[in-house]
C-alpha cells in the first residue's frame, strides 16, 4: 500500500511503481483514489491510495523499502509479505 501526496500526478504512477518495484513481478495495481487521512502527514490532510500486489523473492523486500523511502511523492507506505 502506498499513499502519495494529494497533488501527485496519477499519470506518473506506472513510472514511479516501476522504479520502486525493480525486479518484482506486478500481479495487480488498484487505484483506491484520494482519501482523507486520519491525521495530517507532512502537512497533507489527504492522500492518493494505491494498492499494489507483487510477487518476488523475499530478499527484494529490503530493496523495495529502501527505494520507497527515497521517493518524495510517497508520504506513507506499508509492505507486507505472505507465503
N, C-alpha and C. Protein backbone atom coordinates (compact mmCIF):
# COMPACT_ATOMS: atom_id res chain seq x y z
N UNK A 1 0.86 -1.17 0.00
CA UNK A 1 0.00 0.00 0.00
C UNK A 1 0.90 1.22 0.00
N UNK A 2 0.63 2.13 -0.90
CA UNK A 2 1.36 3.38 -0.99
C UNK A 2 0.38 4.53 -0.85
N UNK A 3 0.79 5.56 -0.13
CA UNK A 3 -0.01 6.78 -0.03
C UNK A 3 0.83 7.90 -0.61
N UNK A 4 0.34 8.46 -1.71
CA UNK A 4 1.02 9.54 -2.38
C UNK A 4 0.46 10.89 -1.94
N UNK A 5 1.25 11.95 -2.15
CA UNK A 5 0.78 13.30 -1.87
C UNK A 5 -0.50 13.57 -2.67
N UNK A 6 -1.40 14.42 -2.16
CA UNK A 6 -2.66 14.66 -2.87
C UNK A 6 -2.48 15.36 -4.22
N UNK A 7 -1.38 16.06 -4.42
CA UNK A 7 -1.15 16.74 -5.70
C UNK A 7 -0.31 15.91 -6.66
N UNK A 8 -0.12 14.63 -6.37
CA UNK A 8 0.64 13.72 -7.22
C UNK A 8 -0.08 13.52 -8.54
N UNK A 9 0.67 13.61 -9.64
CA UNK A 9 0.11 13.38 -10.97
C UNK A 9 -0.04 11.88 -11.19
N UNK A 10 -1.26 11.41 -11.20
CA UNK A 10 -1.54 9.97 -11.28
C UNK A 10 -1.02 9.38 -12.59
N UNK A 11 -0.78 10.20 -13.61
CA UNK A 11 -0.24 9.71 -14.87
C UNK A 11 1.18 9.19 -14.70
N UNK A 12 1.87 9.63 -13.67
CA UNK A 12 3.24 9.18 -13.39
C UNK A 12 3.27 7.92 -12.54
N UNK A 13 2.11 7.42 -12.16
CA UNK A 13 2.02 6.28 -11.25
C UNK A 13 2.82 5.08 -11.74
N UNK A 14 2.63 4.68 -12.99
CA UNK A 14 3.31 3.49 -13.51
C UNK A 14 4.82 3.66 -13.52
N UNK A 15 5.28 4.86 -13.86
CA UNK A 15 6.71 5.12 -13.87
C UNK A 15 7.31 5.00 -12.47
N UNK A 16 6.63 5.59 -11.49
CA UNK A 16 7.10 5.53 -10.10
C UNK A 16 7.06 4.09 -9.58
N UNK A 17 6.00 3.37 -9.86
CA UNK A 17 5.91 1.98 -9.42
C UNK A 17 7.00 1.13 -10.04
N UNK A 18 7.29 1.33 -11.31
CA UNK A 18 8.34 0.57 -11.98
C UNK A 18 9.70 0.82 -11.31
N UNK A 19 9.94 2.09 -10.93
CA UNK A 19 11.20 2.43 -10.27
C UNK A 19 11.27 1.80 -8.87
N UNK A 20 10.16 1.78 -8.16
CA UNK A 20 10.13 1.23 -6.81
C UNK A 20 10.27 -0.28 -6.79
N UNK A 21 9.57 -0.93 -7.68
CA UNK A 21 9.44 -2.38 -7.63
C UNK A 21 10.67 -3.09 -8.15
N UNK A 22 11.31 -2.55 -9.16
CA UNK A 22 12.50 -3.17 -9.71
C UNK A 22 12.20 -4.50 -10.38
N UNK A 23 12.74 -5.59 -9.85
CA UNK A 23 12.64 -6.91 -10.48
C UNK A 23 11.39 -7.69 -10.08
N UNK A 24 10.64 -7.22 -9.10
CA UNK A 24 9.45 -7.95 -8.65
C UNK A 24 8.38 -7.95 -9.74
N UNK A 25 7.58 -8.98 -9.76
CA UNK A 25 6.50 -9.11 -10.74
C UNK A 25 5.24 -8.47 -10.17
N UNK A 26 4.61 -7.59 -10.93
CA UNK A 26 3.38 -6.92 -10.50
C UNK A 26 2.20 -7.79 -10.90
N UNK A 27 1.43 -8.22 -9.90
CA UNK A 27 0.25 -9.03 -10.17
C UNK A 27 -0.97 -8.16 -10.39
N UNK A 28 -1.09 -7.08 -9.58
CA UNK A 28 -2.28 -6.24 -9.65
C UNK A 28 -1.98 -4.87 -9.05
N UNK A 29 -2.58 -3.83 -9.63
CA UNK A 29 -2.48 -2.47 -9.10
C UNK A 29 -3.88 -1.90 -9.03
N UNK A 30 -4.29 -1.47 -7.84
CA UNK A 30 -5.61 -0.86 -7.66
C UNK A 30 -5.43 0.58 -7.22
N UNK A 31 -6.07 1.48 -7.92
CA UNK A 31 -6.08 2.88 -7.54
C UNK A 31 -7.31 3.10 -6.67
N UNK A 32 -7.10 3.31 -5.38
CA UNK A 32 -8.21 3.48 -4.45
C UNK A 32 -8.67 4.93 -4.34
N UNK A 33 -7.98 5.82 -5.03
CA UNK A 33 -8.39 7.22 -5.09
C UNK A 33 -7.88 8.07 -3.94
N UNK A 34 -8.35 9.32 -3.96
CA UNK A 34 -7.94 10.28 -2.94
C UNK A 34 -8.84 10.13 -1.73
N UNK A 35 -8.24 10.01 -0.57
CA UNK A 35 -8.99 9.85 0.68
C UNK A 35 -8.42 10.77 1.74
N UNK A 36 -9.26 11.10 2.69
CA UNK A 36 -8.83 11.92 3.81
C UNK A 36 -8.00 11.07 4.76
N UNK A 37 -6.88 11.60 5.23
CA UNK A 37 -6.01 10.89 6.15
C UNK A 37 -6.56 11.01 7.58
N UNK A 38 -6.26 10.06 8.41
CA UNK A 38 -6.71 10.09 9.81
C UNK A 38 -6.07 11.23 10.58
N UNK A 39 -4.86 11.58 10.19
CA UNK A 39 -4.13 12.67 10.82
C UNK A 39 -3.22 13.28 9.75
N UNK A 40 -2.87 14.55 9.89
CA UNK A 40 -2.01 15.17 8.88
C UNK A 40 -0.62 14.52 8.83
N UNK A 41 -0.13 14.31 7.62
CA UNK A 41 1.20 13.77 7.38
C UNK A 41 1.93 14.78 6.50
N UNK A 42 3.01 15.34 7.01
CA UNK A 42 3.80 16.33 6.27
C UNK A 42 2.90 17.46 5.75
N UNK A 43 1.98 17.90 6.60
CA UNK A 43 1.04 18.99 6.31
C UNK A 43 0.00 18.66 5.24
N UNK A 44 -0.15 17.37 4.92
CA UNK A 44 -1.18 16.94 3.96
C UNK A 44 -2.33 16.33 4.74
N UNK A 45 -3.55 16.69 4.36
CA UNK A 45 -4.73 16.12 5.02
C UNK A 45 -5.40 15.04 4.18
N UNK A 46 -4.97 14.91 2.91
CA UNK A 46 -5.49 13.89 2.01
C UNK A 46 -4.32 13.17 1.35
N UNK A 47 -4.60 12.00 0.81
CA UNK A 47 -3.57 11.25 0.11
C UNK A 47 -4.20 10.37 -0.95
N UNK A 48 -3.43 10.03 -1.95
CA UNK A 48 -3.89 9.13 -3.01
C UNK A 48 -3.39 7.73 -2.67
N UNK A 49 -4.31 6.80 -2.50
CA UNK A 49 -4.00 5.44 -2.08
C UNK A 49 -3.87 4.52 -3.29
N UNK A 50 -2.76 3.78 -3.34
CA UNK A 50 -2.51 2.80 -4.39
C UNK A 50 -2.17 1.48 -3.72
N UNK A 51 -2.87 0.42 -4.10
CA UNK A 51 -2.61 -0.92 -3.58
C UNK A 51 -1.98 -1.74 -4.69
N UNK A 52 -0.76 -2.18 -4.48
CA UNK A 52 -0.04 -2.98 -5.48
C UNK A 52 0.25 -4.35 -4.90
N UNK A 53 -0.08 -5.39 -5.64
CA UNK A 53 0.21 -6.76 -5.25
C UNK A 53 1.39 -7.23 -6.08
N UNK A 54 2.46 -7.65 -5.39
CA UNK A 54 3.69 -8.04 -6.06
C UNK A 54 4.02 -9.49 -5.78
N UNK A 55 4.85 -10.04 -6.64
CA UNK A 55 5.33 -11.40 -6.45
C UNK A 55 6.82 -11.39 -6.71
N UNK A 56 7.58 -11.93 -5.78
CA UNK A 56 9.04 -11.97 -5.95
C UNK A 56 9.73 -12.60 -4.78
N UNK A 57 11.05 -12.56 -4.80
CA UNK A 57 11.85 -13.15 -3.74
C UNK A 57 11.77 -12.31 -2.47
N UNK A 58 11.83 -12.97 -1.33
CA UNK A 58 11.77 -12.27 -0.04
C UNK A 58 12.95 -11.34 0.15
N UNK A 59 14.07 -11.64 -0.44
CA UNK A 59 15.26 -10.81 -0.29
C UNK A 59 15.09 -9.44 -0.92
N UNK A 60 14.17 -9.27 -1.81
CA UNK A 60 13.96 -8.00 -2.50
C UNK A 60 13.13 -7.02 -1.67
N UNK A 61 12.55 -7.45 -0.56
CA UNK A 61 11.71 -6.59 0.27
C UNK A 61 12.50 -5.39 0.78
N UNK A 62 13.70 -5.61 1.24
CA UNK A 62 14.54 -4.52 1.73
C UNK A 62 14.84 -3.50 0.64
N UNK A 63 15.08 -3.98 -0.57
CA UNK A 63 15.35 -3.09 -1.69
C UNK A 63 14.13 -2.23 -2.02
N UNK A 64 12.95 -2.83 -1.98
CA UNK A 64 11.72 -2.09 -2.27
C UNK A 64 11.49 -1.03 -1.20
N UNK A 65 11.69 -1.37 0.06
CA UNK A 65 11.52 -0.39 1.14
C UNK A 65 12.51 0.77 1.00
N UNK A 66 13.74 0.45 0.66
CA UNK A 66 14.76 1.49 0.51
C UNK A 66 14.39 2.45 -0.63
N UNK A 67 13.96 1.91 -1.75
CA UNK A 67 13.57 2.75 -2.89
C UNK A 67 12.33 3.60 -2.56
N UNK A 68 11.40 3.03 -1.80
CA UNK A 68 10.17 3.75 -1.45
C UNK A 68 10.48 4.96 -0.57
N UNK A 69 11.39 4.80 0.37
CA UNK A 69 11.77 5.92 1.24
C UNK A 69 12.41 7.07 0.48
N UNK A 70 12.99 6.79 -0.66
CA UNK A 70 13.68 7.81 -1.44
C UNK A 70 12.76 8.62 -2.37
N UNK A 71 11.52 8.18 -2.54
CA UNK A 71 10.60 8.87 -3.44
C UNK A 71 9.85 9.95 -2.65
N UNK A 72 10.02 11.22 -3.00
CA UNK A 72 9.38 12.31 -2.24
C UNK A 72 7.86 12.34 -2.37
N UNK A 73 7.29 11.73 -3.42
CA UNK A 73 5.84 11.75 -3.61
C UNK A 73 5.11 10.77 -2.70
N UNK A 74 5.82 9.79 -2.14
CA UNK A 74 5.22 8.80 -1.24
C UNK A 74 5.32 9.34 0.19
N UNK A 75 4.14 9.55 0.83
CA UNK A 75 4.17 10.07 2.20
C UNK A 75 4.06 8.95 3.23
N UNK A 76 3.51 7.81 2.85
CA UNK A 76 3.47 6.63 3.72
C UNK A 76 3.41 5.39 2.85
N UNK A 77 3.88 4.27 3.42
CA UNK A 77 3.79 3.00 2.73
C UNK A 77 3.67 1.89 3.75
N UNK A 78 3.13 0.79 3.32
CA UNK A 78 3.04 -0.41 4.15
C UNK A 78 3.33 -1.59 3.24
N UNK A 79 4.33 -2.36 3.61
CA UNK A 79 4.73 -3.51 2.83
C UNK A 79 4.56 -4.74 3.68
N UNK A 80 3.76 -5.68 3.22
CA UNK A 80 3.55 -6.93 3.96
C UNK A 80 3.95 -8.10 3.07
N UNK A 81 4.43 -9.15 3.68
CA UNK A 81 4.83 -10.34 2.94
C UNK A 81 3.95 -11.51 3.36
N UNK A 82 3.56 -12.32 2.39
CA UNK A 82 2.78 -13.53 2.65
C UNK A 82 3.44 -14.70 1.95
N UNK A 83 3.10 -15.88 2.38
CA UNK A 83 3.65 -17.08 1.75
C UNK A 83 2.67 -17.68 0.81
